[in-house]
């Protein structure tokens, strides 16, 4: 595991799911404190994708950081109630 020397860094993650979506690969990463993160990596560097179960560190340049509103429901969209699918 190659750990960068600059930028934002989260350590101790494990790949839970991998989805190839054309120009990028989407990873679901479980962090040590229980939070799951969705990570996208562009498929242009010739490096083989990570596999489910791989240990990873997540890093990114500060200029690619953005904030989400803290007063919104953080679980919105994470679960769909079956009865909501019947509404029109």
PDB file of N, CA and C in Angstrom:
ATOM      1  N   UNK A   1       0.853  -1.163   0.000  1.00  0.00           N
ATOM      2  CA  UNK A   1       0.000   0.000   0.000  1.00  0.00           C
ATOM      3  C   UNK A   1       0.902   1.230   0.000  1.00  0.00           C
ATOM      4  N   UNK A   2       0.727   2.082  -0.980  1.00  0.00           N
ATOM      5  CA  UNK A   2       1.530   3.287  -1.115  1.00  0.00           C
ATOM      6  C   UNK A   2       0.808   4.450  -0.439  1.00  0.00           C
ATOM      7  N   UNK A   3       1.413   5.041   0.579  1.00  0.00           N
ATOM      8  CA  UNK A   3       0.798   6.144   1.310  1.00  0.00           C
ATOM      9  C   UNK A   3       1.375   7.466   0.822  1.00  0.00           C
ATOM     10  N   UNK A   4       0.517   8.383   0.348  1.00  0.00           N
ATOM     11  CA  UNK A   4       1.004   9.668  -0.149  1.00  0.00           C
ATOM     12  C   UNK A   4       1.580  10.523   0.972  1.00  0.00           C
ATOM     13  N   UNK A   5       2.414  11.470   0.592  1.00  0.00           N
ATOM     14  CA  UNK A   5       3.061  12.334   1.578  1.00  0.00           C
ATOM     15  C   UNK A   5       2.397  13.695   1.688  1.00  0.00           C
ATOM     16  N   UNK A   6       1.375  13.966   0.859  1.00  0.00           N
ATOM     17  CA  UNK A   6       0.682  15.255   0.946  1.00  0.00           C
ATOM     18  C   UNK A   6      -0.792  15.067   0.627  1.00  0.00           C
ATOM     19  N   UNK A   7      -1.580  16.109   0.909  1.00  0.00           N
ATOM     20  CA  UNK A   7      -3.016  16.036   0.654  1.00  0.00           C
ATOM     21  C   UNK A   7      -3.764  15.481   1.848  1.00  0.00           C
ATOM     22  N   UNK A   8      -5.054  15.293   1.663  1.00  0.00           N
ATOM     23  CA  UNK A   8      -5.903  14.717   2.706  1.00  0.00           C
ATOM     24  C   UNK A   8      -5.718  13.213   2.718  1.00  0.00           C
ATOM     25  N   UNK A   9      -5.761  12.608   3.897  1.00  0.00           N
ATOM     26  CA  UNK A   9      -5.488  11.180   4.009  1.00  0.00           C
ATOM     27  C   UNK A   9      -6.362  10.536   5.078  1.00  0.00           C
ATOM     28  N   UNK A  10      -7.012   9.439   4.713  1.00  0.00           N
ATOM     29  CA  UNK A  10      -7.737   8.587   5.655  1.00  0.00           C
ATOM     30  C   UNK A  10      -7.115   7.201   5.559  1.00  0.00           C
ATOM     31  N   UNK A  11      -6.762   6.614   6.691  1.00  0.00           N
ATOM     32  CA  UNK A  11      -6.082   5.316   6.679  1.00  0.00           C
ATOM     33  C   UNK A  11      -6.958   4.215   7.263  1.00  0.00           C
ATOM     34  N   UNK A  12      -6.617   2.987   6.935  1.00  0.00           N
ATOM     35  CA  UNK A  12      -7.248   1.827   7.547  1.00  0.00           C
ATOM     36  C   UNK A  12      -8.531   1.351   6.904  1.00  0.00           C
ATOM     37  N   UNK A  13      -8.805   1.772   5.660  1.00  0.00           N
ATOM     38  CA  UNK A  13     -10.026   1.342   4.991  1.00  0.00           C
ATOM     39  C   UNK A  13      -9.901  -0.045   4.380  1.00  0.00           C
ATOM     40  N   UNK A  14     -11.049  -0.666   4.103  1.00  0.00           N
ATOM     41  CA  UNK A  14     -11.109  -1.959   3.417  1.00  0.00           C
ATOM     42  C   UNK A  14     -12.173  -1.884   2.327  1.00  0.00           C
ATOM     43  N   UNK A  15     -11.859  -2.389   1.154  1.00  0.00           N
ATOM     44  CA  UNK A  15     -12.793  -2.394   0.034  1.00  0.00           C
ATOM     45  C   UNK A  15     -13.925  -3.375   0.322  1.00  0.00           C
ATOM     46  N   UNK A  16     -15.160  -2.887   0.282  1.00  0.00           N
ATOM     47  CA  UNK A  16     -16.341  -3.724   0.496  1.00  0.00           C
ATOM     48  C   UNK A  16     -17.020  -4.091  -0.818  1.00  0.00           C
ATOM     49  N   UNK A  17     -16.912  -3.218  -1.833  1.00  0.00           N
ATOM     50  CA  UNK A  17     -17.555  -3.478  -3.116  1.00  0.00           C
ATOM     51  C   UNK A  17     -16.824  -2.702  -4.203  1.00  0.00           C
ATOM     52  N   UNK A  18     -16.794  -3.266  -5.403  1.00  0.00           N
ATOM     53  CA  UNK A  18     -16.138  -2.646  -6.550  1.00  0.00           C
ATOM     54  C   UNK A  18     -17.108  -2.666  -7.719  1.00  0.00           C
ATOM     55  N   UNK A  19     -17.291  -1.509  -8.381  1.00  0.00           N
ATOM     56  CA  UNK A  19     -18.160  -1.425  -9.558  1.00  0.00           C
ATOM     57  C   UNK A  19     -17.433  -0.680 -10.662  1.00  0.00           C
ATOM     58  N   UNK A  20     -17.205  -1.365 -11.780  1.00  0.00           N
ATOM     59  CA  UNK A  20     -16.615  -0.733 -12.953  1.00  0.00           C
ATOM     60  C   UNK A  20     -17.725   0.012 -13.667  1.00  0.00           C
ATOM     61  N   UNK A  21     -17.569   1.327 -13.862  1.00  0.00           N
ATOM     62  CA  UNK A  21     -18.620   2.120 -14.496  1.00  0.00           C
ATOM     63  C   UNK A  21     -18.074   2.907 -15.687  1.00  0.00           C
ATOM     64  N   UNK A  22     -17.387   2.216 -16.582  1.00  0.00           N
ATOM     65  CA  UNK A  22     -16.886   2.844 -17.808  1.00  0.00           C
ATOM     66  C   UNK A  22     -15.576   3.563 -17.601  1.00  0.00           C
ATOM     67  N   UNK A  23     -15.639   4.896 -17.530  1.00  0.00           N
ATOM     68  CA  UNK A  23     -14.419   5.689 -17.415  1.00  0.00           C
ATOM     69  C   UNK A  23     -13.853   5.704 -16.002  1.00  0.00           C
ATOM     70  N   UNK A  24     -14.609   5.167 -15.048  1.00  0.00           N
ATOM     71  CA  UNK A  24     -14.119   5.151 -13.671  1.00  0.00           C
ATOM     72  C   UNK A  24     -14.547   3.870 -12.968  1.00  0.00           C
ATOM     73  N   UNK A  25     -13.937   3.643 -11.817  1.00  0.00           N
ATOM     74  CA  UNK A  25     -14.313   2.530 -10.954  1.00  0.00           C
ATOM     75  C   UNK A  25     -14.804   3.122  -9.646  1.00  0.00           C
ATOM     76  N   UNK A  26     -15.923   2.613  -9.163  1.00  0.00           N
ATOM     77  CA  UNK A  26     -16.508   3.072  -7.902  1.00  0.00           C
ATOM     78  C   UNK A  26     -16.208   2.035  -6.832  1.00  0.00           C
ATOM     79  N   UNK A  27     -15.683   2.500  -5.713  1.00  0.00           N
ATOM     80  CA  UNK A  27     -15.363   1.624  -4.586  1.00  0.00           C
ATOM     81  C   UNK A  27     -16.217   2.001  -3.383  1.00  0.00           C
ATOM     82  N   UNK A  28     -16.730   1.009  -2.699  1.00  0.00           N
ATOM     83  CA  UNK A  28     -17.368   1.219  -1.398  1.00  0.00           C
ATOM     84  C   UNK A  28     -16.324   0.812  -0.372  1.00  0.00           C
ATOM     85  N   UNK A  29     -15.913   1.759   0.469  1.00  0.00           N
ATOM     86  CA  UNK A  29     -14.819   1.543   1.412  1.00  0.00           C
ATOM     87  C   UNK A  29     -15.345   1.652   2.839  1.00  0.00           C
ATOM     88  N   UNK A  30     -15.109   0.615   3.634  1.00  0.00           N
ATOM     89  CA  UNK A  30     -15.478   0.609   5.056  1.00  0.00           C
ATOM     90  C   UNK A  30     -14.289   1.149   5.850  1.00  0.00           C
ATOM     91  N   UNK A  31     -14.531   2.212   6.627  1.00  0.00           N
ATOM     92  CA  UNK A  31     -13.474   2.810   7.428  1.00  0.00           C
ATOM     93  C   UNK A  31     -13.484   2.199   8.829  1.00  0.00           C
ATOM     94  N   UNK A  32     -12.370   2.305   9.578  1.00  0.00           N
ATOM     95  CA  UNK A  32     -12.259   1.663  10.894  1.00  0.00           C
ATOM     96  C   UNK A  32     -13.323   2.110  11.893  1.00  0.00           C
ATOM     97  N   UNK A  33     -13.848   3.312  11.745  1.00  0.00           N
ATOM     98  CA  UNK A  33     -14.845   3.820  12.688  1.00  0.00           C
ATOM     99  C   UNK A  33     -16.275   3.466  12.258  1.00  0.00           C
ATOM    100  N   UNK A  34     -16.427   2.640  11.192  1.00  0.00           N
ATOM    101  CA  UNK A  34     -17.734   2.146  10.783  1.00  0.00           C
ATOM    102  C   UNK A  34     -18.395   2.889   9.636  1.00  0.00           C
ATOM    103  N   UNK A  35     -17.878   4.035   9.247  1.00  0.00           N
ATOM    104  CA  UNK A  35     -18.450   4.810   8.141  1.00  0.00           C
ATOM    105  C   UNK A  35     -18.076   4.171   6.809  1.00  0.00           C
ATOM    106  N   UNK A  36     -19.038   4.111   5.883  1.00  0.00           N
ATOM    107  CA  UNK A  36     -18.748   3.641   4.534  1.00  0.00           C
ATOM    108  C   UNK A  36     -18.629   4.853   3.625  1.00  0.00           C
ATOM    109  N   UNK A  37     -17.599   4.869   2.796  1.00  0.00           N
ATOM    110  CA  UNK A  37     -17.364   5.963   1.864  1.00  0.00           C
ATOM    111  C   UNK A  37     -17.468   5.443   0.442  1.00  0.00           C
ATOM    112  N   UNK A  38     -17.987   6.282  -0.458  1.00  0.00           N
ATOM    113  CA  UNK A  38     -17.995   5.957  -1.877  1.00  0.00           C
ATOM    114  C   UNK A  38     -16.832   6.704  -2.510  1.00  0.00           C
ATOM    115  N   UNK A  39     -15.965   5.973  -3.189  1.00  0.00           N
ATOM    116  CA  UNK A  39     -14.759   6.540  -3.777  1.00  0.00           C
ATOM    117  C   UNK A  39     -14.767   6.246  -5.271  1.00  0.00           C
ATOM    118  N   UNK A  40     -14.429   7.244  -6.077  1.00  0.00           N
ATOM    119  CA  UNK A  40     -14.357   7.075  -7.519  1.00  0.00           C
ATOM    120  C   UNK A  40     -12.919   7.266  -7.972  1.00  0.00           C
ATOM    121  N   UNK A  41     -12.461   6.377  -8.854  1.00  0.00           N
ATOM    122  CA  UNK A  41     -11.113   6.484  -9.413  1.00  0.00           C
ATOM    123  C   UNK A  41     -11.225   6.402 -10.926  1.00  0.00           C
ATOM    124  N   UNK A  42     -10.613   7.369 -11.610  1.00  0.00           N
ATOM    125  CA  UNK A  42     -10.638   7.369 -13.067  1.00  0.00           C
ATOM    126  C   UNK A  42      -9.822   6.197 -13.599  1.00  0.00           C
ATOM    127  N   UNK A  43     -10.326   5.537 -14.641  1.00  0.00           N
ATOM    128  CA  UNK A  43      -9.652   4.373 -15.227  1.00  0.00           C
ATOM    129  C   UNK A  43      -8.707   4.801 -16.344  1.00  0.00           C
ATOM    130  N   UNK A  44      -7.635   5.487 -15.997  1.00  0.00           N
ATOM    131  CA  UNK A  44      -6.713   5.924 -17.044  1.00  0.00           C
ATOM    132  C   UNK A  44      -5.241   5.738 -16.703  1.00  0.00           C
ATOM    133  N   UNK A  45      -4.953   5.163 -15.546  1.00  0.00           N
ATOM    134  CA  UNK A  45      -3.555   5.090 -15.126  1.00  0.00           C
ATOM    135  C   UNK A  45      -2.904   3.736 -15.359  1.00  0.00           C
ATOM    136  N   UNK A  46      -3.625   2.777 -15.908  1.00  0.00           N
ATOM    137  CA  UNK A  46      -3.052   1.464 -16.183  1.00  0.00           C
ATOM    138  C   UNK A  46      -2.814   0.606 -14.960  1.00  0.00           C
ATOM    139  N   UNK A  47      -3.277   1.051 -13.795  1.00  0.00           N
ATOM    140  CA  UNK A  47      -3.102   0.297 -12.562  1.00  0.00           C
ATOM    141  C   UNK A  47      -4.307  -0.624 -12.380  1.00  0.00           C
ATOM    142  N   UNK A  48      -4.053  -1.867 -12.006  1.00  0.00           N
ATOM    143  CA  UNK A  48      -5.145  -2.810 -11.777  1.00  0.00           C
ATOM    144  C   UNK A  48      -6.041  -2.309 -10.650  1.00  0.00           C
ATOM    145  N   UNK A  49      -7.362  -2.490 -10.775  1.00  0.00           N
ATOM    146  CA  UNK A  49      -8.267  -2.028  -9.719  1.00  0.00           C
ATOM    147  C   UNK A  49      -8.098  -2.832  -8.436  1.00  0.00           C
ATOM    148  N   UNK A  50      -8.510  -2.214  -7.336  1.00  0.00           N
ATOM    149  CA  UNK A  50      -8.501  -2.918  -6.057  1.00  0.00           C
ATOM    150  C   UNK A  50      -9.571  -3.997  -6.082  1.00  0.00           C
ATOM    151  N   UNK A  51      -9.430  -4.975  -5.197  1.00  0.00           N
ATOM    152  CA  UNK A  51     -10.388  -6.072  -5.089  1.00  0.00           C
ATOM    153  C   UNK A  51     -11.089  -5.996  -3.737  1.00  0.00           C
ATOM    154  N   UNK A  52     -12.267  -6.623  -3.668  1.00  0.00           N
ATOM    155  CA  UNK A  52     -13.009  -6.693  -2.415  1.00  0.00           C
ATOM    156  C   UNK A  52     -12.110  -7.301  -1.342  1.00  0.00           C
ATOM    157  N   UNK A  53     -12.060  -6.651  -0.177  1.00  0.00           N
ATOM    158  CA  UNK A  53     -11.235  -7.120   0.927  1.00  0.00           C
ATOM    159  C   UNK A  53      -9.876  -6.457   1.016  1.00  0.00           C
ATOM    160  N   UNK A  54      -9.433  -5.774  -0.057  1.00  0.00           N
ATOM    161  CA  UNK A  54      -8.131  -5.102  -0.026  1.00  0.00           C
ATOM    162  C   UNK A  54      -8.106  -4.005   1.036  1.00  0.00           C
ATOM    163  N   UNK A  55      -6.980  -3.880   1.730  1.00  0.00           N
ATOM    164  CA  UNK A  55      -6.756  -2.780   2.670  1.00  0.00           C
ATOM    165  C   UNK A  55      -6.318  -1.562   1.866  1.00  0.00           C
ATOM    166  N   UNK A  56      -6.893  -0.389   2.176  1.00  0.00           N
ATOM    167  CA  UNK A  56      -6.576   0.820   1.419  1.00  0.00           C
ATOM    168  C   UNK A  56      -6.457   2.033   2.325  1.00  0.00           C
ATOM    169  N   UNK A  57      -5.672   2.983   1.864  1.00  0.00           N
ATOM    170  CA  UNK A  57      -5.651   4.332   2.399  1.00  0.00           C
ATOM    171  C   UNK A  57      -6.269   5.213   1.327  1.00  0.00           C
ATOM    172  N   UNK A  58      -7.073   6.174   1.719  1.00  0.00           N
ATOM    173  CA  UNK A  58      -7.737   7.063   0.769  1.00  0.00           C
ATOM    174  C   UNK A  58      -7.082   8.430   0.869  1.00  0.00           C
ATOM    175  N   UNK A  59      -6.670   8.970  -0.272  1.00  0.00           N
ATOM    176  CA  UNK A  59      -6.071  10.306  -0.264  1.00  0.00           C
ATOM    177  C   UNK A  59      -6.599  11.107  -1.448  1.00  0.00           C
ATOM    178  N   UNK A  60      -6.599  12.420  -1.295  1.00  0.00           N
ATOM    179  CA  UNK A  60      -7.019  13.309  -2.365  1.00  0.00           C
ATOM    180  C   UNK A  60      -6.412  14.676  -2.136  1.00  0.00           C
ATOM    181  N   UNK A  61      -6.266  15.417  -3.222  1.00  0.00           N
ATOM    182  CA  UNK A  61      -5.722  16.768  -3.152  1.00  0.00           C
ATOM    183  C   UNK A  61      -6.768  17.696  -2.527  1.00  0.00           C
ATOM    184  N   UNK A  62      -6.351  18.621  -1.665  1.00  0.00           N
ATOM    185  CA  UNK A  62      -7.290  19.541  -1.021  1.00  0.00           C
ATOM    186  C   UNK A  62      -8.151  20.331  -2.010  1.00  0.00           C
ATOM    187  N   UNK A  63      -7.639  20.622  -3.195  1.00  0.00           N
ATOM    188  CA  UNK A  63      -8.425  21.385  -4.172  1.00  0.00           C
ATOM    189  C   UNK A  63      -9.634  20.605  -4.683  1.00  0.00           C
ATOM    190  N   UNK A  64      -9.670  19.291  -4.463  1.00  0.00           N
ATOM    191  CA  UNK A  64     -10.805  18.471  -4.890  1.00  0.00           C
ATOM    192  C   UNK A  64     -11.801  18.224  -3.750  1.00  0.00           C
ATOM    193  N   UNK A  65     -11.668  18.963  -2.661  1.00  0.00           N
ATOM    194  CA  UNK A  65     -12.548  18.820  -1.507  1.00  0.00           C
ATOM    195  C   UNK A  65     -13.746  19.751  -1.652  1.00  0.00           C
ATOM    196  N   UNK A  66     -14.920  19.261  -1.290  1.00  0.00           N
ATOM    197  CA  UNK A  66     -16.102  20.117  -1.242  1.00  0.00           C
ATOM    198  C   UNK A  66     -16.941  19.705  -0.041  1.00  0.00           C
ATOM    199  N   UNK A  67     -17.771  20.609   0.414  1.00  0.00           N
ATOM    200  CA  UNK A  67     -18.568  20.366   1.618  1.00  0.00           C
ATOM    201  C   UNK A  67     -20.030  20.132   1.255  1.00  0.00           C
ATOM    202  N   UNK A  68     -20.695  19.351   2.086  1.00  0.00           N
ATOM    203  CA  UNK A  68     -22.128  19.135   1.983  1.00  0.00           C
ATOM    204  C   UNK A  68     -22.793  19.774   3.191  1.00  0.00           C
ATOM    205  N   UNK A  69     -24.020  20.198   3.032  1.00  0.00           N
ATOM    206  CA  UNK A  69     -24.738  20.846   4.138  1.00  0.00           C
ATOM    207  C   UNK A  69     -24.889  19.887   5.302  1.00  0.00           C
ATOM    208  N   UNK A  70     -24.541  20.335   6.489  1.00  0.00           N
ATOM    209  CA  UNK A  70     -24.634  19.494   7.673  1.00  0.00           C
ATOM    210  C   UNK A  70     -26.029  19.376   8.245  1.00  0.00           C
ATOM    211  N   UNK A  71     -26.947  20.270   7.829  1.00  0.00           N
ATOM    212  CA  UNK A  71     -28.297  20.218   8.381  1.00  0.00           C
ATOM    213  C   UNK A  71     -29.244  19.339   7.563  1.00  0.00           C
ATOM    214  N   UNK A  72     -28.735  18.698   6.520  1.00  0.00           N
ATOM    215  CA  UNK A  72     -29.555  17.801   5.710  1.00  0.00           C
ATOM    216  C   UNK A  72     -29.532  16.395   6.300  1.00  0.00           C
ATOM    217  N   UNK A  73     -30.481  15.568   5.918  1.00  0.00           N
ATOM    218  CA  UNK A  73     -30.562  14.184   6.375  1.00  0.00           C
ATOM    219  C   UNK A  73     -29.436  13.381   5.728  1.00  0.00           C
ATOM    220  N   UNK A  74     -28.472  12.934   6.516  1.00  0.00           N
ATOM    221  CA  UNK A  74     -27.320  12.214   5.967  1.00  0.00           C
ATOM    222  C   UNK A  74     -27.673  10.831   5.452  1.00  0.00           C
ATOM    223  N   UNK A  75     -28.844  10.323   5.812  1.00  0.00           N
ATOM    224  CA  UNK A  75     -29.244   8.998   5.336  1.00  0.00           C
ATOM    225  C   UNK A  75     -30.186   9.071   4.139  1.00  0.00           C
ATOM    226  N   UNK A  76     -30.490  10.266   3.662  1.00  0.00           N
ATOM    227  CA  UNK A  76     -31.412  10.414   2.538  1.00  0.00           C
ATOM    228  C   UNK A  76     -30.906   9.622   1.337  1.00  0.00           C
ATOM    229  N   UNK A  77     -31.775   8.814   0.780  1.00  0.00           N
ATOM    230  CA  UNK A  77     -31.425   8.031  -0.397  1.00  0.00           C
ATOM    231  C   UNK A  77     -30.727   6.730  -0.115  1.00  0.00           C
ATOM    232  N   UNK A  78     -30.366   6.485   1.129  1.00  0.00           N
ATOM    233  CA  UNK A  78     -29.627   5.260   1.435  1.00  0.00           C
ATOM    234  C   UNK A  78     -30.540   4.055   1.576  1.00  0.00           C
ATOM    235  N   UNK A  79     -31.797   4.296   1.876  1.00  0.00           N
ATOM    236  CA  UNK A  79     -32.763   3.206   1.995  1.00  0.00           C
ATOM    237  C   UNK A  79     -34.060   3.615   1.320  1.00  0.00           C
ATOM    238  N   UNK A  80     -34.647   2.701   0.595  1.00  0.00           N
ATOM    239  CA  UNK A  80     -35.924   2.956  -0.058  1.00  0.00           C
ATOM    240  C   UNK A  80     -36.978   2.109   0.631  1.00  0.00           C
ATOM    241  N   UNK A  81     -38.023   2.757   1.087  1.00  0.00           N
ATOM    242  CA  UNK A  81     -39.133   2.046   1.705  1.00  0.00           C
ATOM    243  C   UNK A  81     -39.946   1.374   0.604  1.00  0.00           C
ATOM    244  N   UNK A  82     -40.254   0.084   0.726  1.00  0.00           N
ATOM    245  CA  UNK A  82     -40.994  -0.631  -0.319  1.00  0.00           C
ATOM    246  C   UNK A  82     -42.309   0.041  -0.704  1.00  0.00           C
ATOM    247  N   UNK A  83     -43.025   0.612   0.271  1.00  0.00           N
ATOM    248  CA  UNK A  83     -44.298   1.254  -0.046  1.00  0.00           C
ATOM    249  C   UNK A  83     -44.109   2.525  -0.871  1.00  0.00           C
ATOM    250  N   UNK A  84     -42.944   3.154  -0.787  1.00  0.00           N
ATOM    251  CA  UNK A  84     -42.672   4.351  -1.583  1.00  0.00           C
ATOM    252  C   UNK A  84     -42.576   4.014  -3.065  1.00  0.00           C
ATOM    253  N   UNK A  85     -42.222   2.789  -3.404  1.00  0.00           N
ATOM    254  CA  UNK A  85     -42.122   2.380  -4.797  1.00  0.00           C
ATOM    255  C   UNK A  85     -43.492   2.257  -5.448  1.00  0.00           C
ATOM    256  N   UNK A  86     -44.548   2.068  -4.646  1.00  0.00           N
ATOM    257  CA  UNK A  86     -45.899   1.915  -5.172  1.00  0.00           C
ATOM    258  C   UNK A  86     -46.593   3.246  -5.419  1.00  0.00           C
ATOM    259  N   UNK A  87     -46.031   4.343  -4.912  1.00  0.00           N
ATOM    260  CA  UNK A  87     -46.649   5.661  -5.076  1.00  0.00           C
ATOM    261  C   UNK A  87     -46.426   6.177  -6.485  1.00  0.00           C
ATOM    262  N   UNK A  88     -47.417   6.886  -6.998  1.00  0.00           N
ATOM    263  CA  UNK A  88     -47.277   7.483  -8.333  1.00  0.00           C
ATOM    264  C   UNK A  88     -47.590   8.934  -8.294  1.00  0.00           C
TER     265      UNK A  88
END
